Amino acid sequence: MLPKDLKACCHAAAEKLKQSQVNDHFTVIPEEEKPMPYTDKVFKEVAIQWLIETDQVPFYCLFETHP
């Protein structure tokens, strides 16, 4: 092999073996796209809204406690 070819081949092999960083796999989410934090109050409000809009589940299924 010619020296330039050998150097290029070694450089290409080294790039393939280069370890990626965790930051390469994540993106920053803009503030307006972040979901609201979970609370029981918000969950109940959304569950009631879903129940009214879909009319698929009896109301007692959401809030009745089972033994």
C-alpha atoms as a PDB file:
ATOM      1  CA  MET A   1       0.000   0.000   0.000  1.00  0.00           C
ATOM      2  CA  LEU A   2       1.040   3.516  -0.610  1.00  0.00           C
ATOM      3  CA  PRO A   3       1.656   5.597   2.540  1.00  0.00           C
ATOM      4  CA  LYS A   4      -1.232   7.982   1.790  1.00  0.00           C
ATOM      5  CA  ASP A   5      -3.621   5.079   1.218  1.00  0.00           C
ATOM      6  CA  LEU A   6      -2.507   3.391   4.424  1.00  0.00           C
ATOM      7  CA  LYS A   7      -2.974   6.598   6.383  1.00  0.00           C
ATOM      8  CA  ALA A   8      -6.464   7.151   4.888  1.00  0.00           C
ATOM      9  CA  CYS A   9      -7.435   3.540   5.607  1.00  0.00           C
ATOM     10  CA  CYS A  10      -6.253   3.788   9.227  1.00  0.00           C
ATOM     11  CA  HIS A  11      -8.073   7.088   9.683  1.00  0.00           C
ATOM     12  CA  ALA A  12     -11.319   5.587   8.302  1.00  0.00           C
ATOM     13  CA  ALA A  13     -10.995   2.576  10.627  1.00  0.00           C
ATOM     14  CA  ALA A  14     -10.371   4.848  13.612  1.00  0.00           C
ATOM     15  CA  GLU A  15     -13.523   6.866  12.788  1.00  0.00           C
ATOM     16  CA  LYS A  16     -15.607   3.684  12.730  1.00  0.00           C
ATOM     17  CA  LEU A  17     -14.294   2.685  16.150  1.00  0.00           C
ATOM     18  CA  LYS A  18     -14.813   6.129  17.652  1.00  0.00           C
ATOM     19  CA  GLN A  19     -17.188   5.899  20.596  1.00  0.00           C
ATOM     20  CA  SER A  20     -20.281   8.030  20.307  1.00  0.00           C
ATOM     21  CA  GLN A  21     -21.399  10.247  23.138  1.00  0.00           C
ATOM     22  CA  VAL A  22     -24.745  10.204  24.853  1.00  0.00           C
ATOM     23  CA  ASN A  23     -25.341  13.843  23.888  1.00  0.00           C
ATOM     24  CA  ASP A  24     -25.400  12.800  20.224  1.00  0.00           C
ATOM     25  CA  HIS A  25     -28.612  10.844  20.837  1.00  0.00           C
ATOM     26  CA  PHE A  26     -30.664  13.485  22.659  1.00  0.00           C
ATOM     27  CA  THR A  27     -32.234  16.740  21.604  1.00  0.00           C
ATOM     28  CA  VAL A  28     -33.358  19.666  23.698  1.00  0.00           C
ATOM     29  CA  ILE A  29     -37.139  19.979  23.925  1.00  0.00           C
ATOM     30  CA  PRO A  30     -38.424  23.551  23.725  1.00  0.00           C
ATOM     31  CA  GLU A  31     -40.267  24.707  26.848  1.00  0.00           C
ATOM     32  CA  GLU A  32     -43.631  25.011  25.076  1.00  0.00           C
ATOM     33  CA  GLU A  33     -43.517  21.345  23.957  1.00  0.00           C
ATOM     34  CA  LYS A  34     -42.810  19.840  27.380  1.00  0.00           C
ATOM     35  CA  PRO A  35     -45.726  17.988  28.970  1.00  0.00           C
ATOM     36  CA  MET A  36     -47.211  19.385  32.167  1.00  0.00           C
ATOM     37  CA  PRO A  37     -46.081  17.689  35.383  1.00  0.00           C
ATOM     38  CA  TYR A  38     -48.288  14.896  36.724  1.00  0.00           C
ATOM     39  CA  THR A  39     -50.694  15.623  39.558  1.00  0.00           C
ATOM     40  CA  ASP A  40     -53.766  13.721  40.724  1.00  0.00           C
ATOM     41  CA  LYS A  41     -55.930  16.781  40.069  1.00  0.00           C
ATOM     42  CA  VAL A  42     -54.772  17.088  36.446  1.00  0.00           C
ATOM     43  CA  PHE A  43     -55.196  13.343  35.930  1.00  0.00           C
ATOM     44  CA  LYS A  44     -58.803  13.448  37.166  1.00  0.00           C
ATOM     45  CA  GLU A  45     -59.595  16.465  34.976  1.00  0.00           C
ATOM     46  CA  VAL A  46     -58.154  14.804  31.880  1.00  0.00           C
ATOM     47  CA  ALA A  47     -59.851  11.496  32.696  1.00  0.00           C
ATOM     48  CA  ILE A  48     -63.220  13.220  33.033  1.00  0.00           C
ATOM     49  CA  GLN A  49     -62.645  15.131  29.794  1.00  0.00           C
ATOM     50  CA  TRP A  50     -61.745  11.863  28.030  1.00  0.00           C
ATOM     51  CA  LEU A  51     -64.809  10.138  29.495  1.00  0.00           C
ATOM     52  CA  ILE A  52     -67.152  12.871  28.292  1.00  0.00           C
ATOM     53  CA  GLU A  53     -65.614  13.047  24.806  1.00  0.00           C
ATOM     54  CA  THR A  54     -65.480   9.291  24.147  1.00  0.00           C
ATOM     55  CA  ASP A  55     -68.490   8.083  26.141  1.00  0.00           C
ATOM     56  CA  GLN A  56     -67.018   4.577  26.195  1.00  0.00           C
ATOM     57  CA  VAL A  57     -66.530   3.758  29.878  1.00  0.00           C
ATOM     58  CA  PRO A  58     -69.002   4.017  32.763  1.00  0.00           C
ATOM     59  CA  PHE A  59     -68.053   6.816  35.128  1.00  0.00           C
ATOM     60  CA  TYR A  60     -67.699   4.534  38.154  1.00  0.00           C
ATOM     61  CA  CYS A  61     -64.860   2.613  36.439  1.00  0.00           C
ATOM     62  CA  LEU A  62     -62.523   5.566  36.818  1.00  0.00           C
ATOM     63  CA  PHE A  63     -63.026   6.417  40.471  1.00  0.00           C
ATOM     64  CA  GLU A  64     -64.468   3.381  42.212  1.00  0.00           C
ATOM     65  CA  THR A  65     -62.037   1.607  44.514  1.00  0.00           C
ATOM     66  CA  HIS A  66     -61.908  -2.156  44.206  1.00  0.00           C
ATOM     67  CA  PRO A  67     -60.938  -4.497  47.082  1.00  0.00           C
END
